[in-house]
Amino acid sequence: MSEELKVLLVQVITSWQVIAVTVALILYIGMVRYVTQYDPMARVHNIPRPKPPKPKKEKKPPAPAAADDDGLEDAESA
């Protein structure tokens, strides 16, 4: 690389226009990333909500005892 090219590159990189555009692009990309990752429902889910009361279960009367006790044993055990 020639010396003239090196000097020209340094002047271009350090010019205020290049620096301003670089900063603007960085801010723009940061804003786009923020918008794409923003979740409005995240704020809603962070609010603790009271749980609805559980429905009360009705107690069933106890089942009647088996009335077919004829003294017969199970067919399986015979």
Protein backbone atom coordinates (compact mmCIF):
# COMPACT_ATOMS: atom_id res chain seq x y z
CA MET A 1 0.00 0.00 0.00
CA SER A 2 1.29 3.41 -0.84
CA GLU A 3 1.57 6.17 1.71
CA GLU A 4 -0.99 8.28 -0.14
CA LEU A 5 -3.59 5.51 0.16
CA LYS A 6 -2.93 5.09 3.89
CA VAL A 7 -3.32 8.81 4.49
CA LEU A 8 -6.50 8.90 2.43
CA LEU A 9 -8.03 5.96 4.35
CA VAL A 10 -7.26 7.59 7.71
CA GLN A 11 -8.84 10.84 6.56
CA VAL A 12 -11.97 9.06 5.31
CA ILE A 13 -12.39 6.95 8.45
CA THR A 14 -11.93 9.92 10.79
CA SER A 15 -14.18 12.31 8.87
CA TRP A 16 -17.22 13.54 10.81
CA GLN A 17 -19.64 12.28 8.13
CA VAL A 18 -18.44 8.69 8.42
CA ILE A 19 -18.49 8.82 12.22
CA ALA A 20 -22.01 10.35 12.24
CA VAL A 21 -23.39 7.72 9.86
CA THR A 22 -21.77 4.93 11.89
CA VAL A 23 -23.31 6.21 15.14
CA ALA A 24 -26.71 6.64 13.44
CA LEU A 25 -26.59 3.07 12.11
CA ILE A 26 -25.68 1.68 15.52
CA LEU A 27 -28.59 3.55 17.14
CA TYR A 28 -30.98 2.45 14.39
CA ILE A 29 -29.99 -1.21 14.68
CA GLY A 30 -30.34 -1.03 18.45
CA MET A 31 -33.82 0.45 18.13
CA VAL A 32 -34.89 -2.19 15.61
CA ARG A 33 -33.66 -4.97 17.90
CA TYR A 34 -35.54 -3.43 20.86
CA VAL A 35 -38.78 -3.23 18.87
CA THR A 36 -38.50 -6.80 17.58
CA GLN A 37 -37.87 -8.19 21.06
CA TYR A 38 -40.51 -6.04 22.80
CA ASP A 39 -43.36 -8.08 24.27
CA PRO A 40 -46.28 -5.97 25.52
CA MET A 41 -47.82 -9.00 27.22
CA ALA A 42 -44.74 -9.37 29.42
CA ARG A 43 -45.87 -6.39 31.49
CA VAL A 44 -49.34 -7.84 31.87
CA HIS A 45 -48.00 -11.21 33.02
CA ASN A 46 -45.82 -9.64 35.71
CA ILE A 47 -48.85 -8.34 37.61
CA PRO A 48 -49.86 -10.88 40.26
CA ARG A 49 -53.50 -11.82 39.88
CA PRO A 50 -55.65 -13.51 42.52
CA LYS A 51 -56.51 -17.07 41.65
CA PRO A 52 -60.18 -17.85 41.17
CA PRO A 53 -61.69 -19.94 43.97
CA LYS A 54 -61.91 -23.65 43.28
CA PRO A 55 -65.45 -24.98 42.88
CA LYS A 56 -66.60 -26.91 45.91
CA LYS A 57 -67.14 -30.58 45.31
CA GLU A 58 -70.36 -32.06 46.59
CA LYS A 59 -69.84 -34.95 48.94
CA LYS A 60 -71.53 -38.09 47.73
CA PRO A 61 -73.26 -40.32 50.28
CA PRO A 62 -71.30 -43.49 51.02
CA ALA A 63 -72.16 -46.38 48.75
CA PRO A 64 -74.36 -49.02 50.36
CA ALA A 65 -72.62 -52.20 51.42
CA ALA A 66 -72.79 -55.08 48.99
CA ALA A 67 -76.10 -56.86 49.66
CA ASP A 68 -75.37 -60.02 47.66
CA ASP A 69 -73.56 -61.85 50.46
CA ASP A 70 -75.16 -65.21 49.87
CA GLY A 71 -72.25 -66.99 51.41
CA LEU A 72 -70.85 -67.78 48.00
CA GLU A 73 -67.18 -67.45 47.48
CA ASP A 74 -65.63 -65.91 44.46
CA ALA A 75 -65.50 -68.12 41.43
CA GLU A 76 -61.88 -67.22 41.03
CA SER A 77 -60.80 -68.59 44.38
CA ALA A 78 -62.55 -71.94 43.88
